[in-house]
Amino acid sequence: MKIGPLDIPSRVLLAPMAGVTDHIYRVICREFSAGLVYTEFVSSNGIIRENERTLEMLHFEERERPIGIQIFGDDADILAESAAYLTESLEPDLIDLNFGCPVPKVTKKGAGSAILKDQGKVGEVCEKVVNAVDIPVTVKMRSGWSDKEIVAPEYAQLMESLGIAAVTVHGRTTQIRYEKPSDNTVIAATKEAVDIPVIGNGDILQPEDGRRMIDETGCDGVMIARGALGNPWILHRTNHYLETGELLPEPDYADRLNLCFRHLQLKEEEKDSTLAAMLMKKNIGWYLKGMPNASTMRQLINTSDESQEMYEILRDYAKELNVKLTAEEPALSYQKSV
């Protein structure tokens, strides 16, 4: 798949997720065949004000490429200015516009998926951002604001005419949030409407879901979000299934505990012990989901204040499950870095 001049080495992409797709997790997911990763979405206002916390979220390394920075806001000029600043200062591979976030604190300000209610604003933002940078600009959007306002196919045509290089379509409206299954027919209609790459997003929890989405919609690639929480294996398993038709096994307890341990190590290298522990609690919970006595382990982890204490909990858990921890390297029986 190509996005503008950019070669994407896999049809399976990692979605930008607030509080999830930080530097460490992006590094891990690139090792698991994610063809493209994104930063957490960041405020265009925070960027132009050079807010320290905002800019810290955008740190990335060469090994994460190709990487996109996703920005959100409701002012076309500020979005364009922030995109230009990021392109010059950080040199990402692409800029992605967030037209999909349904969270009220974002939409009440006219940003995220709320922008889909105003076709004129959509066009203005796309045109100004595209003209402000010399790298590909893409869009991630929901199918529309409500079931009565399905706009993705029509808006994708507008976006293509203004120079947008690819669109990702989540097959749900803002109003239904996650209450109904993702609607692949909207993604199919969008793919039929444009020549630029269309990436499908929504309800990809197993490799078969990715294959089904491509078969039903003709989309060029798939983007995985919630399915990748504590489960980067799904990226490689889906990519392998799309390429070969072979369904690789799910990770076993050793795979999951070893990667969990390594993730904690990487986080501790980046942050101090206390901050690493705080930031890793939800991640460890996701890694352990469905494992024996996972609820008890999560309670122990959630009451830990230091990473060293978490290591001991995980070591004891590994002994309980008769799992050998070899955390110096990723414990992946079918890892394939792209």
Protein backbone atom coordinates (compact mmCIF):
# COMPACT_ATOMS: atom_id res chain seq x y z
CA MET A 1 0.00 0.00 0.00
CA LYS A 2 1.19 3.52 -0.80
CA ILE A 3 0.01 6.73 0.84
CA GLY A 4 1.20 9.45 -1.46
CA PRO A 5 4.90 8.66 -2.03
CA LEU A 6 5.09 6.73 1.25
CA ASP A 7 5.48 2.96 1.10
CA ILE A 8 3.51 1.19 3.85
CA PRO A 9 5.04 -2.26 4.44
CA SER A 10 1.90 -3.91 5.84
CA ARG A 11 -1.84 -3.54 5.29
CA VAL A 12 -2.39 -3.66 9.06
CA LEU A 13 -2.14 -0.31 10.87
CA LEU A 14 -2.19 0.58 14.55
CA ALA A 15 -4.85 3.18 15.37
CA PRO A 16 -3.97 6.30 17.35
CA MET A 17 -5.37 5.87 20.87
CA ALA A 18 -5.22 8.37 23.70
CA GLY A 19 -3.28 7.02 26.66
CA VAL A 20 -2.24 3.91 24.72
CA THR A 21 -0.11 4.53 21.63
CA ASP A 22 2.81 6.16 23.38
CA HIS A 23 6.42 5.82 22.25
CA ILE A 24 7.03 2.47 23.95
CA TYR A 25 3.89 0.79 22.68
CA ARG A 26 4.51 2.04 19.15
CA VAL A 27 7.99 0.49 19.22
CA ILE A 28 6.50 -2.82 20.32
CA CYS A 29 3.78 -2.72 17.67
CA ARG A 30 6.24 -1.97 14.87
CA GLU A 31 7.98 -5.20 15.90
CA PHE A 32 4.64 -6.95 15.44
CA SER A 33 4.23 -5.95 11.78
CA ALA A 34 2.24 -2.74 12.19
CA GLY A 35 2.70 -1.13 8.79
CA LEU A 36 2.06 2.35 10.16
CA VAL A 37 1.77 3.69 13.71
CA TYR A 38 0.43 6.98 15.00
CA THR A 39 1.01 9.16 18.02
CA GLU A 40 -1.77 9.73 20.49
CA PHE A 41 -3.96 12.49 19.08
CA VAL A 42 -2.82 15.93 20.18
CA SER A 43 -4.40 19.36 20.30
CA SER A 44 -3.40 21.80 17.58
CA ASN A 45 -3.72 24.59 20.13
CA GLY A 46 -1.28 22.81 22.46
CA ILE A 47 1.19 22.44 19.62
CA ILE A 48 1.34 26.08 18.57
CA ARG A 49 1.59 27.12 22.21
CA GLU A 50 4.48 24.64 22.54
CA ASN A 51 2.83 23.05 25.55
CA GLU A 52 5.48 20.85 27.17
CA ARG A 53 3.15 17.92 27.87
CA THR A 54 1.76 18.00 24.33
CA LEU A 55 5.17 18.03 22.68
CA GLU A 56 6.43 15.27 24.98
CA MET A 57 3.67 13.01 23.65
CA LEU A 58 5.07 13.46 20.13
CA HIS A 59 8.54 12.07 20.80
CA PHE A 60 9.42 9.25 18.41
CA GLU A 61 12.48 7.40 17.14
CA GLU A 62 13.59 6.33 13.67
CA ARG A 63 12.70 2.69 14.40
CA GLU A 64 9.03 3.70 14.63
CA ARG A 65 8.83 4.86 11.02
CA PRO A 66 6.62 5.09 9.13
CA ILE A 67 4.80 7.19 11.72
CA GLY A 68 1.97 9.69 11.56
CA ILE A 69 1.14 12.48 13.98
CA GLN A 70 -2.59 12.89 14.52
CA ILE A 71 -3.89 16.36 15.38
CA PHE A 72 -7.32 17.68 16.28
CA GLY A 73 -8.96 21.08 16.57
CA ASP A 74 -11.74 23.22 15.17
CA ASP A 75 -9.78 26.11 13.65
CA ALA A 76 -8.40 25.54 10.14
CA ASP A 77 -5.66 28.15 10.45
CA ILE A 78 -4.41 26.78 13.76
CA LEU A 79 -4.51 23.23 12.44
CA ALA A 80 -2.48 24.30 9.41
CA GLU A 81 0.01 26.20 11.55
CA SER A 82 0.47 23.27 13.90
CA ALA A 83 0.89 20.84 11.00
CA ALA A 84 3.59 23.06 9.48
CA TYR A 85 5.37 23.36 12.82
CA LEU A 86 5.35 19.57 13.35
CA THR A 87 6.51 18.86 9.82
CA GLU A 88 9.47 21.20 10.15
CA SER A 89 10.48 20.39 13.72
CA LEU A 90 9.80 16.64 14.01
CA GLU A 91 9.67 15.42 10.38
CA PRO A 92 6.94 12.77 10.73
CA ASP A 93 6.02 10.71 7.68
CA LEU A 94 2.48 12.09 7.54
CA ILE A 95 -0.04 14.29 9.31
CA ASP A 96 -3.41 12.76 10.18
CA LEU A 97 -6.52 14.83 10.87
CA ASN A 98 -8.79 13.57 13.62
CA PHE A 99 -12.37 13.80 12.36
CA GLY A 100 -13.42 10.73 14.33
CA CYS A 101 -13.14 11.24 18.09
CA PRO A 102 -16.67 10.99 19.58
CA VAL A 103 -15.74 12.02 23.14
CA PRO A 104 -17.99 14.90 24.29
CA LYS A 105 -15.16 17.02 25.71
CA VAL A 106 -13.72 17.10 22.17
CA THR A 107 -16.91 17.33 20.14
CA LYS A 108 -18.42 20.07 22.31
CA LYS A 109 -15.62 22.31 21.08
CA GLY A 110 -16.44 21.52 17.46
CA ALA A 111 -13.44 19.21 17.02
CA GLY A 112 -13.11 15.48 16.42
CA SER A 113 -16.17 13.95 14.77
CA ALA A 114 -18.22 17.12 15.38
CA ILE A 115 -16.50 18.66 12.37
CA LEU A 116 -18.42 16.19 10.20
CA LYS A 117 -21.54 18.28 10.78
CA ASP A 118 -20.03 21.10 8.70
CA GLN A 119 -18.93 20.22 5.18
CA GLY A 120 -17.55 23.70 4.64
CA LYS A 121 -15.30 23.39 7.69
CA VAL A 122 -14.16 19.95 6.57
CA GLY A 123 -13.11 21.36 3.22
CA GLU A 124 -11.43 24.40 4.74
CA VAL A 125 -9.40 22.34 7.19
CA CYS A 126 -8.29 19.82 4.60
CA GLU A 127 -7.30 22.44 2.05
CA LYS A 128 -5.33 24.61 4.47
CA VAL A 129 -3.47 21.73 6.11
CA VAL A 130 -2.57 20.12 2.77
CA ASN A 131 -1.23 23.45 1.52
CA ALA A 132 0.76 24.02 4.70
CA VAL A 133 2.96 20.91 4.51
CA ASP A 134 4.96 18.92 1.97
CA ILE A 135 4.20 15.46 3.40
CA PRO A 136 1.03 13.37 2.97
CA VAL A 137 -2.04 14.46 4.92
CA THR A 138 -4.63 11.82 5.80
CA VAL A 139 -7.96 11.80 7.60
CA LYS A 140 -9.50 9.42 10.12
CA MET A 141 -13.27 9.87 10.37
CA ARG A 142 -16.44 8.22 11.55
CA SER A 143 -19.15 7.39 9.04
CA GLY A 144 -21.10 10.47 10.11
CA TRP A 145 -22.59 12.23 13.07
CA SER A 146 -25.78 10.12 13.15
CA ASP A 147 -27.48 7.39 11.16
CA LYS A 148 -29.36 10.12 9.28
CA GLU A 149 -26.10 11.88 8.41
CA ILE A 150 -23.83 9.28 6.78
CA VAL A 151 -21.26 11.47 5.04
CA ALA A 152 -18.06 9.42 4.71
CA PRO A 153 -18.33 8.57 0.97
CA GLU A 154 -19.26 12.13 -0.04
CA TYR A 155 -16.67 13.74 2.21
CA ALA A 156 -13.96 11.35 1.04
CA GLN A 157 -14.52 12.62 -2.51
CA LEU A 158 -14.15 16.19 -1.29
CA MET A 159 -11.02 15.29 0.64
CA GLU A 160 -9.48 13.58 -2.38
CA SER A 161 -10.14 16.65 -4.54
CA LEU A 162 -8.31 18.79 -1.96
CA GLY A 163 -5.20 16.61 -1.86
CA ILE A 164 -5.85 14.28 1.08
CA ALA A 165 -3.69 11.20 0.47
CA ALA A 166 -5.78 8.52 2.26
CA VAL A 167 -8.83 8.19 4.49
CA THR A 168 -9.59 5.85 7.35
CA VAL A 169 -13.28 5.19 7.96
CA HIS A 170 -14.65 3.87 11.24
CA GLY A 171 -17.97 2.27 10.39
CA ARG A 172 -19.92 3.85 13.24
CA THR A 173 -21.52 7.24 13.73
CA THR A 174 -20.71 9.54 16.61
CA GLN A 175 -24.09 9.14 18.24
CA ILE A 176 -23.98 5.35 18.50
CA ARG A 177 -20.42 5.42 19.88
CA TYR A 178 -19.81 1.64 20.31
CA GLU A 179 -23.37 0.53 20.93
CA LYS A 180 -23.82 -1.15 17.53
CA PRO A 181 -21.48 -3.20 15.32
CA SER A 182 -19.34 -1.35 12.81
CA ASP A 183 -21.07 -0.96 9.43
CA ASN A 184 -18.84 -2.22 6.63
CA THR A 185 -21.23 -0.98 3.93
CA VAL A 186 -20.16 2.61 4.62
CA ILE A 187 -16.51 1.65 4.21
CA ALA A 188 -17.35 -0.14 0.95
CA ALA A 189 -19.23 2.90 -0.38
CA THR A 190 -16.29 5.14 0.52
CA LYS A 191 -13.84 2.84 -1.27
CA GLU A 192 -16.05 2.90 -4.35
CA ALA A 193 -16.23 6.70 -4.27
CA VAL A 194 -12.50 7.49 -4.36
CA ASP A 195 -9.19 6.41 -5.85
CA ILE A 196 -7.02 7.20 -2.84
CA PRO A 197 -6.39 4.42 -0.29
CA VAL A 198 -9.26 3.70 2.08
CA ILE A 199 -8.47 2.02 5.39
CA GLY A 200 -11.22 0.22 7.27
CA ASN A 201 -11.58 0.50 11.04
CA GLY A 202 -13.96 -1.00 13.57
CA ASP A 203 -14.47 -4.35 15.33
CA ILE A 204 -11.24 -6.01 14.22
CA LEU A 205 -10.65 -8.31 17.15
CA GLN A 206 -9.32 -11.36 15.31
CA PRO A 207 -7.39 -11.87 12.04
CA GLU A 208 -10.56 -13.21 10.41
CA ASP A 209 -12.25 -9.85 11.09
CA GLY A 210 -9.57 -8.06 9.07
CA ARG A 211 -9.92 -10.50 6.19
CA ARG A 212 -13.69 -10.13 6.25
CA MET A 213 -13.50 -6.34 6.20
CA ILE A 214 -11.23 -6.34 3.17
CA ASP A 215 -13.38 -8.92 1.37
CA GLU A 216 -16.62 -7.05 2.08
CA THR A 217 -15.39 -3.53 1.37
CA GLY A 218 -12.42 -3.74 -0.98
CA CYS A 219 -10.52 -1.44 1.39
CA ASP A 220 -6.77 -1.19 0.99
CA GLY A 221 -5.86 -1.89 4.59
CA VAL A 222 -7.27 -2.25 8.09
CA MET A 223 -6.65 -0.26 11.24
CA ILE A 224 -6.81 -2.00 14.60
CA ALA A 225 -7.64 -0.11 17.79
CA ARG A 226 -9.23 -1.80 20.83
CA GLY A 227 -8.23 -5.24 19.54
CA ALA A 228 -4.59 -4.31 20.08
CA LEU A 229 -4.94 -3.39 23.76
CA GLY A 230 -2.44 -5.67 25.49
CA ASN A 231 -2.47 -7.73 22.30
CA PRO A 232 0.04 -6.53 19.71
CA TRP A 233 0.10 -10.10 18.42
CA ILE A 234 -3.13 -9.36 16.56
CA LEU A 235 -1.20 -7.03 14.23
CA HIS A 236 1.21 -9.72 13.10
CA ARG A 237 -1.38 -12.48 13.11
CA THR A 238 -3.72 -10.40 10.94
CA ASN A 239 -0.97 -9.38 8.54
CA HIS A 240 0.22 -12.98 8.24
CA TYR A 241 -3.33 -14.21 7.63
CA LEU A 242 -3.88 -11.60 4.91
CA GLU A 243 -0.62 -12.53 3.20
CA THR A 244 -0.71 -16.31 3.47
CA GLY A 245 -4.16 -17.48 4.58
CA GLU A 246 -2.52 -19.20 7.54
CA LEU A 247 -4.03 -18.51 10.94
CA LEU A 248 -1.26 -18.35 13.53
CA PRO A 249 -1.99 -19.41 17.12
CA GLU A 250 -2.81 -16.88 19.78
CA PRO A 251 -0.02 -16.02 22.24
CA ASP A 252 0.39 -18.41 25.16
CA TYR A 253 0.94 -17.47 28.79
CA ALA A 254 4.71 -17.31 28.31
CA ASP A 255 4.38 -14.95 25.36
CA ARG A 256 2.06 -12.66 27.23
CA LEU A 257 3.95 -12.54 30.51
CA ASN A 258 7.31 -12.04 28.85
CA LEU A 259 6.09 -9.17 26.70
CA CYS A 260 4.31 -7.66 29.68
CA PHE A 261 7.57 -7.85 31.64
CA ARG A 262 9.55 -6.33 28.78
CA HIS A 263 7.00 -3.52 28.33
CA LEU A 264 7.43 -2.65 32.01
CA GLN A 265 11.23 -2.68 31.61
CA LEU A 266 11.07 -0.31 28.63
CA LYS A 267 8.70 2.00 30.47
CA GLU A 268 11.02 2.08 33.48
CA GLU A 269 13.95 3.01 31.24
CA GLU A 270 11.92 5.95 29.96
CA LYS A 271 10.34 7.06 33.26
CA ASP A 272 11.22 6.72 36.94
CA SER A 273 10.01 3.70 38.90
CA THR A 274 6.94 5.39 40.40
CA LEU A 275 5.73 6.96 37.16
CA ALA A 276 6.42 3.76 35.21
CA ALA A 277 4.30 1.81 37.69
CA MET A 278 1.42 4.27 37.43
CA LEU A 279 1.46 4.27 33.63
CA MET A 280 1.75 0.50 33.30
CA LYS A 281 -1.19 -0.56 35.48
CA LYS A 282 -3.77 -0.54 32.70
CA ASN A 283 -1.32 -2.11 30.22
CA ILE A 284 -0.54 -5.00 32.54
CA GLY A 285 -4.26 -5.49 33.09
CA TRP A 286 -4.76 -5.79 29.34
CA TYR A 287 -1.89 -8.29 28.96
CA LEU A 288 -3.29 -10.49 31.73
CA LYS A 289 -6.91 -10.42 30.57
CA GLY A 290 -8.37 -13.93 30.43
CA MET A 291 -5.41 -15.57 32.16
CA PRO A 292 -5.82 -17.66 35.35
CA ASN A 293 -6.47 -15.56 38.47
CA ALA A 294 -6.15 -12.42 36.36
CA SER A 295 -8.52 -10.48 38.58
CA THR A 296 -6.39 -11.13 41.66
CA MET A 297 -3.22 -10.21 39.79
CA ARG A 298 -4.76 -6.97 38.57
CA GLN A 299 -5.71 -6.03 42.12
CA LEU A 300 -2.14 -6.60 43.25
CA ILE A 301 -0.75 -4.61 40.34
CA ASN A 302 -3.20 -1.76 40.88
CA THR A 303 -2.11 -1.37 44.49
CA SER A 304 1.59 -1.29 43.57
CA ASP A 305 3.38 2.06 43.62
CA GLU A 306 6.78 1.03 42.29
CA SER A 307 7.86 -0.94 39.24
CA GLN A 308 10.12 -3.18 41.35
CA GLU A 309 7.07 -4.36 43.25
CA MET A 310 5.33 -5.09 39.94
CA TYR A 311 8.32 -7.17 38.79
CA GLU A 312 8.02 -9.32 41.89
CA ILE A 313 4.29 -9.80 41.38
CA LEU A 314 4.87 -10.87 37.78
CA ARG A 315 7.73 -13.19 38.77
CA ASP A 316 5.56 -14.89 41.38
CA TYR A 317 2.73 -15.17 38.87
CA ALA A 318 5.08 -16.73 36.32
CA LYS A 319 6.15 -19.34 38.89
CA GLU A 320 2.51 -20.07 39.66
CA LEU A 321 1.87 -20.70 35.95
CA ASN A 322 5.19 -22.52 35.48
CA VAL A 323 6.29 -19.92 32.95
CA LYS A 324 9.95 -19.02 32.39
CA LEU A 325 10.60 -15.29 32.12
CA THR A 326 13.14 -14.43 29.45
CA ALA A 327 12.42 -10.73 29.33
CA GLU A 328 15.67 -9.49 27.82
CA GLU A 329 14.25 -10.11 24.34
CA PRO A 330 10.66 -10.19 23.09
CA ALA A 331 9.20 -13.63 23.72
CA LEU A 332 7.51 -13.96 20.36
CA SER A 333 7.22 -17.35 18.76
CA TYR A 334 6.29 -15.75 15.44
CA GLN A 335 7.61 -12.21 15.63
CA LYS A 336 8.33 -10.63 12.25
CA SER A 337 9.55 -7.08 12.25
CA VAL A 338 8.68 -5.03 9.17
